Structures are given as structure tokens and as C-alpha cells.
Protein backbone atom coordinates (compact mmCIF):
# COMPACT_ATOMS: atom_id res chain seq x y z
CA MET A 1 -18.95 8.37 1.19
CA LYS A 2 -16.36 10.10 -1.63
CA TRP A 3 -14.14 11.55 1.19
CA MET A 4 -13.87 8.43 2.83
CA MET A 5 -12.94 6.93 -0.53
CA ARG A 6 -10.06 9.34 -1.11
CA THR A 7 -8.67 8.80 2.24
CA ALA A 8 -8.63 4.83 1.99
CA GLY A 9 -6.79 5.23 -1.24
CA MET A 10 -4.34 7.72 0.34
CA LEU A 11 -3.66 5.60 3.27
CA LEU A 12 -3.33 2.33 1.52
CA ALA A 13 -0.64 3.77 -0.77
CA ALA A 14 1.22 4.81 2.15
CA ALA A 15 0.64 1.95 4.37
CA MET A 16 3.78 -0.16 3.14
CA LEU A 17 5.72 2.56 5.36
CA VAL A 18 3.62 2.57 8.56
CA ALA A 19 3.36 -1.39 8.46
CA PRO A 20 7.02 -1.67 10.21
CA LEU A 21 5.50 0.41 12.95
CA ALA A 22 2.40 -1.66 13.30
CA ALA A 23 4.50 -4.63 13.06
CA ALA A 24 6.91 -3.88 15.87
CA ARG A 25 4.67 -5.74 18.33
CA PRO A 26 4.85 -9.54 18.66
CA ALA A 27 3.31 -11.26 15.57
CA PRO A 28 -0.34 -12.67 16.39
CA PRO A 29 -0.93 -16.41 16.88
CA ASP A 30 -1.58 -18.54 14.05
CA VAL A 31 -5.47 -18.33 12.88
CA LYS A 32 -6.64 -21.32 10.82
CA PRO A 33 -7.98 -19.76 7.58
CA ASP A 34 -11.81 -19.72 6.98
CA ALA A 35 -12.93 -22.32 4.56
CA GLN A 36 -13.16 -19.92 1.44
CA ALA A 37 -12.11 -19.71 -2.00
CA PRO A 38 -8.74 -17.70 -2.54
CA PRO A 39 -8.84 -14.08 -3.49
CA VAL A 40 -8.89 -13.46 -7.11
CA PRO A 41 -5.75 -11.78 -7.84
CA LEU A 42 -5.29 -8.62 -9.50
CA LEU A 43 -2.47 -10.20 -11.70
CA TRP A 44 -1.32 -8.93 -15.22
CA LYS A 45 1.22 -10.64 -17.64
CA VAL A 46 3.44 -8.25 -19.43
CA SER A 47 5.21 -9.97 -22.30
CA GLY A 48 8.96 -9.01 -23.23
CA THR A 49 11.49 -10.47 -25.97
CA GLN A 50 11.93 -14.09 -26.38
CA GLY A 51 9.60 -15.55 -23.63
CA SER A 52 10.87 -12.98 -20.70
CA ALA A 53 7.78 -11.56 -18.98
CA LEU A 54 6.63 -9.40 -15.98
CA TYR A 55 3.94 -10.71 -13.84
CA LEU A 56 2.25 -7.54 -12.09
CA LEU A 57 0.56 -8.52 -8.90
CA GLY A 58 -1.66 -5.69 -7.08
CA SER A 59 -0.93 -5.98 -3.36
CA PHE A 60 -3.30 -5.17 -0.11
CA HIS A 61 -0.67 -4.21 2.40
CA LEU A 62 -2.92 -5.04 5.42
CA LEU A 63 -4.57 -8.66 5.22
CA LYS A 64 -6.09 -11.35 7.51
CA PRO A 65 -4.77 -14.69 7.95
CA SER A 66 -8.23 -15.98 6.25
CA ASP A 67 -6.93 -14.22 3.08
CA TYR A 68 -4.75 -17.02 2.27
CA PRO A 69 -3.63 -19.44 0.60
CA VAL A 70 -3.30 -17.32 -2.55
CA SER A 71 -4.89 -18.57 -5.67
CA LYS A 72 -3.33 -21.03 -8.24
CA ASP A 73 -2.49 -18.04 -10.58
CA VAL A 74 -0.14 -16.32 -7.93
CA ASP A 75 1.33 -19.56 -7.09
CA GLN A 76 2.38 -20.12 -10.89
CA ALA A 77 3.71 -16.73 -11.22
CA PHE A 78 5.69 -17.03 -8.10
CA SER A 79 7.23 -20.34 -9.01
CA SER A 80 8.02 -19.31 -12.73
CA ALA A 81 9.72 -16.22 -11.36
CA GLN A 82 13.56 -15.86 -11.47
CA ARG A 83 13.28 -12.88 -8.91
CA VAL A 84 10.20 -11.16 -7.08
CA VAL A 85 10.42 -7.20 -6.95
CA PHE A 86 8.80 -5.27 -4.29
CA GLU A 87 8.17 -1.36 -3.63
CA LEU A 88 10.92 -1.95 -1.02
CA SER A 89 13.65 -4.65 -0.87
CA SER A 90 13.11 -7.42 1.95
CA GLU A 91 16.54 -6.06 3.74
CA GLU A 92 14.87 -2.46 3.99
CA MET A 93 11.38 -3.69 4.72
CA ASN A 94 12.50 -5.99 7.67
CA SER A 95 15.07 -3.59 9.06
CA PRO A 96 14.63 -2.54 12.62
CA ALA A 97 15.85 0.95 11.17
CA LEU A 98 13.00 1.80 8.85
CA ALA A 99 10.42 2.49 11.87
CA ALA A 100 13.26 4.65 13.32
CA GLN A 101 13.88 6.66 10.03
CA MET A 102 10.20 7.40 9.45
CA LEU A 103 9.70 8.53 13.17
CA GLN A 104 12.65 10.82 12.93
CA ALA A 105 11.08 12.40 9.74
CA ALA A 106 7.66 12.71 11.58
CA VAL A 107 9.17 14.81 14.64
CA ARG A 108 8.71 18.73 14.63
CA THR A 109 11.86 20.22 14.31
CA ASP A 110 10.38 23.77 13.69
CA GLY A 111 9.26 24.85 16.90
CA ARG A 112 5.93 24.46 16.27
CA LEU A 113 3.41 21.68 17.87
CA LEU A 114 0.77 19.64 16.01
CA LYS A 115 -2.02 21.70 17.55
CA ASP A 116 -0.57 24.88 15.60
CA ASP A 117 -1.17 23.13 12.29
CA LEU A 118 -4.72 22.27 12.94
CA ASP A 119 -8.04 23.99 12.96
CA ALA A 120 -10.32 23.95 16.11
CA ASP A 121 -12.66 21.08 14.73
CA THR A 122 -9.69 18.80 13.51
CA TRP A 123 -8.19 19.16 17.14
CA GLN A 124 -11.37 18.46 18.69
CA LEU A 125 -11.50 15.36 16.40
CA LEU A 126 -8.38 14.32 17.42
CA GLN A 127 -8.77 14.64 21.02
CA ASP A 128 -11.97 12.49 20.81
CA TRP A 129 -9.65 9.97 19.04
CA ALA A 130 -7.15 9.70 21.80
CA ASN A 131 -9.60 9.62 24.42
CA ASP A 132 -11.48 6.77 22.90
CA ASN A 133 -8.04 4.95 22.33
CA SER A 134 -6.33 5.57 25.34
CA MET A 135 -3.73 7.58 23.69
CA PRO A 136 -2.15 10.74 25.77
CA LEU A 137 -2.12 13.83 23.18
CA ASP A 138 1.33 14.77 24.49
CA ARG A 139 2.91 11.87 22.89
CA LEU A 140 1.50 13.34 19.35
CA SER A 141 1.88 16.82 20.00
CA GLY A 142 5.65 16.96 18.59
CA LEU A 143 4.83 14.91 15.28
CA LYS A 144 3.55 16.20 12.15
CA PRO A 145 -0.11 15.48 10.90
CA TRP A 146 0.50 13.42 7.97
CA PHE A 147 2.30 10.69 10.61
CA VAL A 148 -0.40 11.07 12.82
CA GLY A 149 -2.99 10.60 10.13
CA LEU A 150 -1.47 7.58 8.88
CA THR A 151 -1.08 6.34 12.51
CA VAL A 152 -4.58 6.85 13.36
CA SER A 153 -5.84 4.89 10.11
CA ILE A 154 -3.25 1.94 10.43
CA ALA A 155 -4.96 1.66 14.06
CA GLN A 156 -8.16 1.58 12.82
CA MET A 157 -7.44 -1.07 10.28
CA THR A 158 -5.83 -3.37 12.90
CA ARG A 159 -8.90 -3.17 14.87
CA GLN A 160 -10.84 -4.97 12.37
CA GLY A 161 -8.34 -7.61 11.80
CA LEU A 162 -6.33 -6.28 8.80
CA ASP A 163 -2.55 -6.68 9.93
CA PRO A 164 0.60 -5.90 8.04
CA GLN A 165 2.12 -8.93 9.46
CA SER A 166 -0.36 -10.55 7.05
CA GLY A 167 0.17 -8.31 4.27
CA LEU A 168 0.68 -9.90 0.73
CA ASP A 169 3.96 -8.21 0.48
CA ARG A 170 5.32 -9.85 3.71
CA HIS A 171 3.89 -13.12 2.73
CA LEU A 172 5.59 -13.16 -0.73
CA MET A 173 8.72 -12.21 0.66
CA GLU A 174 8.67 -14.59 3.15
CA ARG A 175 8.19 -17.14 0.57
CA ALA A 176 10.91 -15.71 -1.80
CA GLN A 177 13.48 -16.13 0.97
CA LYS A 178 12.78 -19.85 1.63
CA ALA A 179 12.86 -20.22 -1.98
CA GLY A 180 16.03 -18.49 -2.30
CA LYS A 181 14.67 -16.19 -5.11
CA PRO A 182 16.01 -12.50 -4.68
CA ALA A 183 13.80 -10.15 -3.37
CA THR A 184 14.67 -6.52 -4.43
CA GLY A 185 12.80 -3.04 -4.39
CA LEU A 186 12.03 -0.53 -6.80
CA GLU A 187 12.62 2.42 -4.27
CA SER A 188 14.24 3.06 -0.99
CA ALA A 189 12.49 3.70 2.23
CA ALA A 190 14.24 7.13 2.37
CA ALA A 191 12.50 7.94 -0.88
CA GLN A 192 9.20 6.73 0.36
CA ILE A 193 9.90 8.93 3.54
CA ARG A 194 10.74 11.88 1.57
CA MET A 195 7.70 11.56 -0.52
CA LEU A 196 5.25 11.34 2.68
CA ASP A 197 7.43 14.39 4.28
CA GLY A 198 7.07 16.49 1.42
CA MET A 199 3.55 17.12 1.61
CA GLY A 200 2.50 20.54 2.22
CA THR A 201 0.83 21.45 5.42
CA GLU A 202 -2.71 21.90 3.97
CA GLU A 203 -2.18 18.37 2.03
CA GLN A 204 -1.14 16.96 5.77
CA ARG A 205 -4.26 18.62 7.42
CA GLN A 206 -6.66 17.13 4.96
CA LEU A 207 -5.02 13.99 5.41
CA LEU A 208 -5.30 13.79 9.20
CA ARG A 209 -8.66 15.28 9.30
CA GLU A 210 -10.31 12.53 6.97
CA ALA A 211 -8.47 9.92 8.70
CA LEU A 212 -10.31 10.99 12.10
CA GLU A 213 -13.45 11.31 10.25
CA LEU A 214 -13.03 7.71 8.67
CA ALA A 215 -12.17 6.65 12.16
CA GLY A 216 -15.40 7.87 13.55
CA LYS A 217 -17.45 6.17 10.65
CA GLY A 218 -16.15 2.77 11.63
CA ASP A 219 -15.09 -0.10 9.44
CA GLU A 220 -17.51 0.24 6.37
CA GLN A 221 -15.11 1.86 3.77
CA SER A 222 -11.69 -0.25 4.55
CA GLN A 223 -13.92 -3.25 4.48
CA ARG A 224 -15.56 -2.63 1.42
CA LEU A 225 -12.06 -2.01 -0.27
CA HIS A 226 -10.64 -5.15 1.28
CA ASP A 227 -13.63 -7.22 -0.07
CA ALA A 228 -13.19 -5.47 -3.69
CA TRP A 229 -9.36 -6.68 -3.48
CA ARG A 230 -10.69 -9.91 -2.80
CA ARG A 231 -13.02 -10.09 -5.58
CA GLY A 232 -10.34 -8.88 -7.92
CA ASP A 233 -12.51 -5.94 -8.69
CA ALA A 234 -10.23 -3.55 -10.57
CA ASP A 235 -12.83 -1.21 -11.60
CA LEU A 236 -14.16 -0.45 -8.14
CA LEU A 237 -10.79 -0.13 -6.51
CA TRP A 238 -9.71 2.37 -9.28
CA ARG A 239 -12.93 4.31 -8.50
CA ASP A 240 -12.68 4.31 -4.87
CA MET A 241 -9.06 4.47 -4.29
CA ALA A 242 -8.11 7.03 -7.18
CA VAL A 243 -10.55 8.95 -9.10
CA GLU A 244 -11.71 11.28 -6.26
CA MET A 245 -8.10 11.84 -4.99
CA LYS A 246 -7.22 12.79 -8.63
CA ARG A 247 -9.91 15.17 -8.78
CA GLN A 248 -9.72 16.51 -5.41
CA TYR A 249 -5.96 16.39 -4.58
CA PRO A 250 -4.32 16.40 -7.87
CA ASP A 251 -0.81 17.39 -6.67
CA LEU A 252 -1.13 14.54 -3.70
CA TYR A 253 -1.97 12.18 -6.32
CA GLN A 254 0.58 12.86 -8.43
CA ARG A 255 3.12 12.60 -5.56
CA ILE A 256 1.76 9.38 -4.28
CA ASN A 257 1.06 7.59 -7.32
CA VAL A 258 1.88 8.93 -10.82
CA ASP A 259 5.63 10.20 -10.07
CA ARG A 260 6.22 6.62 -8.49
CA ASN A 261 4.75 4.88 -11.57
CA ASP A 262 6.69 6.69 -14.04
CA ALA A 263 9.61 6.26 -11.84
CA TRP A 264 9.70 2.37 -11.91
CA LEU A 265 8.89 1.98 -15.57
CA PRO A 266 12.71 2.11 -16.58
CA LEU A 267 13.47 -0.25 -13.71
CA LEU A 268 10.75 -2.65 -14.83
CA GLN A 269 11.55 -2.64 -18.77
CA PRO A 270 15.26 -4.51 -18.57
CA TRP A 271 13.60 -7.32 -17.21
CA LEU A 272 11.53 -7.77 -20.32
CA GLN A 273 14.52 -8.25 -22.45
CA ALA A 274 15.64 -11.34 -23.80
CA GLY A 275 17.47 -13.64 -21.31
CA GLN A 276 15.67 -12.28 -18.40
CA GLY A 277 13.23 -14.88 -17.89
CA ASP A 278 10.08 -14.13 -15.81
CA THR A 279 9.94 -11.49 -12.88
CA LEU A 280 6.85 -11.18 -10.23
CA VAL A 281 6.43 -7.47 -9.34
CA VAL A 282 4.49 -6.94 -6.21
CA VAL A 283 2.94 -3.43 -5.53
CA GLY A 284 0.12 -1.56 -3.97
CA ALA A 285 -2.78 -2.48 -6.18
CA LEU A 286 -3.59 1.54 -6.65
CA HIS A 287 -0.21 1.54 -8.71
CA LEU A 288 -1.61 -1.12 -11.28
CA LEU A 289 -4.90 0.56 -11.86
CA GLY A 290 -6.51 2.97 -14.33
CA GLU A 291 -4.98 4.97 -16.93
CA ASP A 292 -1.98 6.27 -14.73
CA GLY A 293 -1.42 2.84 -13.55
CA VAL A 294 2.02 0.75 -14.93
CA VAL A 295 -0.29 -1.79 -16.46
CA GLU A 296 -1.71 0.71 -18.95
CA LYS A 297 1.67 2.55 -19.29
CA LEU A 298 3.38 -0.43 -20.50
CA ARG A 299 0.52 -1.33 -22.72
CA ALA A 300 0.95 2.14 -24.22
CA GLN A 301 4.67 1.34 -24.98
CA GLY A 302 3.45 -1.28 -27.08
CA TYR A 303 3.99 -4.47 -24.88
CA LYS A 304 1.36 -7.38 -24.95
CA VAL A 305 -0.43 -7.19 -21.51
CA GLU A 306 -3.07 -9.41 -20.54
CA ARG A 307 -4.87 -10.10 -17.07
CA ILE A 308 -4.17 -13.33 -15.60
CA CYS A 309 -7.47 -14.71 -13.72
CA SER A 310 -8.43 -18.52 -14.18
CA SER A 311 -11.41 -17.77 -11.93
CA CYS A 312 -12.63 -14.54 -13.49
CA LYS A 313 -15.84 -14.96 -15.73
CA ARG A 314 -15.03 -15.12 -19.60
């Protein structure tokens, strides 16, 4: 189970970049949401100077139509915000060029093939997955392992109804556009792609191997994480998405999570100054959780931070 937790954390952290590839197909037909309570948000308020505030919202990048509507807490944070900030700007997220940029980075230029980087067992797992999913292996042979691993995992999650078209980021980007609110990004697509493509060969091999093993186990772990996100269970998500990855793969964890969190802090702090009003920041849930998360990093700098959750038990 622990290796499944590590993989899900890595993949969900990177899913923002894979979403445009999965979203290249036509949007799914409208589905009437189930009659259930809205998800409990992973939402924190960071109070700045003279009434300025950041609302930090933890996203799940692939969701179901039944995960909507959002809670009244999210609605209120969105309504009060002068701007909405995402990992990527809405312009880059919706750009047709993004998928092409990612694919260009994933194509091998060193004369090697995918099989050359894999051990025999992992290659066999990939063959089995390709056969089960009617995917000719020659379509993958010229790609890097990190890209293939992410592709395998996104395919697995979309089979159970989780869809990048329904992700919280895209939902709030569309709302911001309709409301005329600026929607900016904390980093560029090029920077995110460099982060993924900068993985060493061993890290890439591990990511692909575990993605294939997770796919072979079915939907249990991704469903567990989705359910935890719906419940607003920050502790379970932190344990399942980060703790084991941090212990087993500290360099990968540092690259995917900590380095990016640290880079975001000086970009967020100006919006806490007087006269800035409210800002809603929507990033993957992993970036807000635990000791390395943006929430605790801002608290450590002396800001007042509180969880906003009207449906949580007091």
C-alpha cells in the first residue's frame, strides 16, 4: 500500500501538466450531479495588512461532475477575491501549444529507446498494460519514462471517471473568466515541464514502474485519495501523498513540492500588503499540506492563518 501512496502523490502533483493532453478530446456530455453534499474544502485564510488576505485552496486536478457544486466557503472566497491565482495562468493552461511543448520535451533525442532505460520486469509490465489498453508499444518507444508513467496513470484515473475537464482548477478558471476576474499563474508551463524532465533516469524508472503496478491494482488508491479530498481530510492526504515520497525519494519530493513552494512564497506575499484586498490561490492540495506546505511556511513567517471550514466539526 505504501508504494501506491507514493505514486499517487507524485502523479497528482504533476497531473496539471498532463491534463491538457487528456483534455484534447471532446468534452464529456453534461452529467447531472449526484444529490450529495459539496466537498469539504481544503481552504485556509492568511490575513495580511489592513484587511488584505490570501485564501489558499487545495485542488484535486481531476474530478467528476458529481463533485460540484463547490461549498459555500469556496463560493464566498471566490466572490470576495479581486484576483484568482493558479499554478499556471489561464492563458497557458488553455493554450493548444502546451500539449505540444510537453510532448516535445518527452521525445527521446539521445538515440536510446524506452526499453533501454527499463529492467526486464518493468518492460513486461508495460507490455501487459499496452496489450490491455490496445496501445501499440511502438507509439511509446521513443518517449521518456516520466511521460509514459504519467500517461499510464492519467489513463487509469480517467477510466474511473476522474476527468481533467472537471478539475477544480479548470472550473474556477472558467468562473473567473465569466466574472471578469484576472487569473494569473505562479509559474510557467516551461518551468513545470523542466521540473518533470529534470528527473534522473532512476527516478523516471521508479515513477513508471509504480504507475504500472498501481494500474494493475485497479482503482482503490486513487479512489481513496479522491474520497479523502472530498472529506477535506488534510491529515490523510498528507500521509498518503507526501510522507512516504519524502522518505523514499527525497530528491524527487524536493523538486516536485518543496522547491516550488519556496519559489511561490515571494510571489504570494505582495498580495498580503495593504490595499491588495483578497486573493484566491488554487494549487494542488499537496502544496498546502504538512510542514513543507505553503500554509505552514506562511504561518512560520508570522502571518495569522486559519482553516475556513463551516462544515467541519468544532
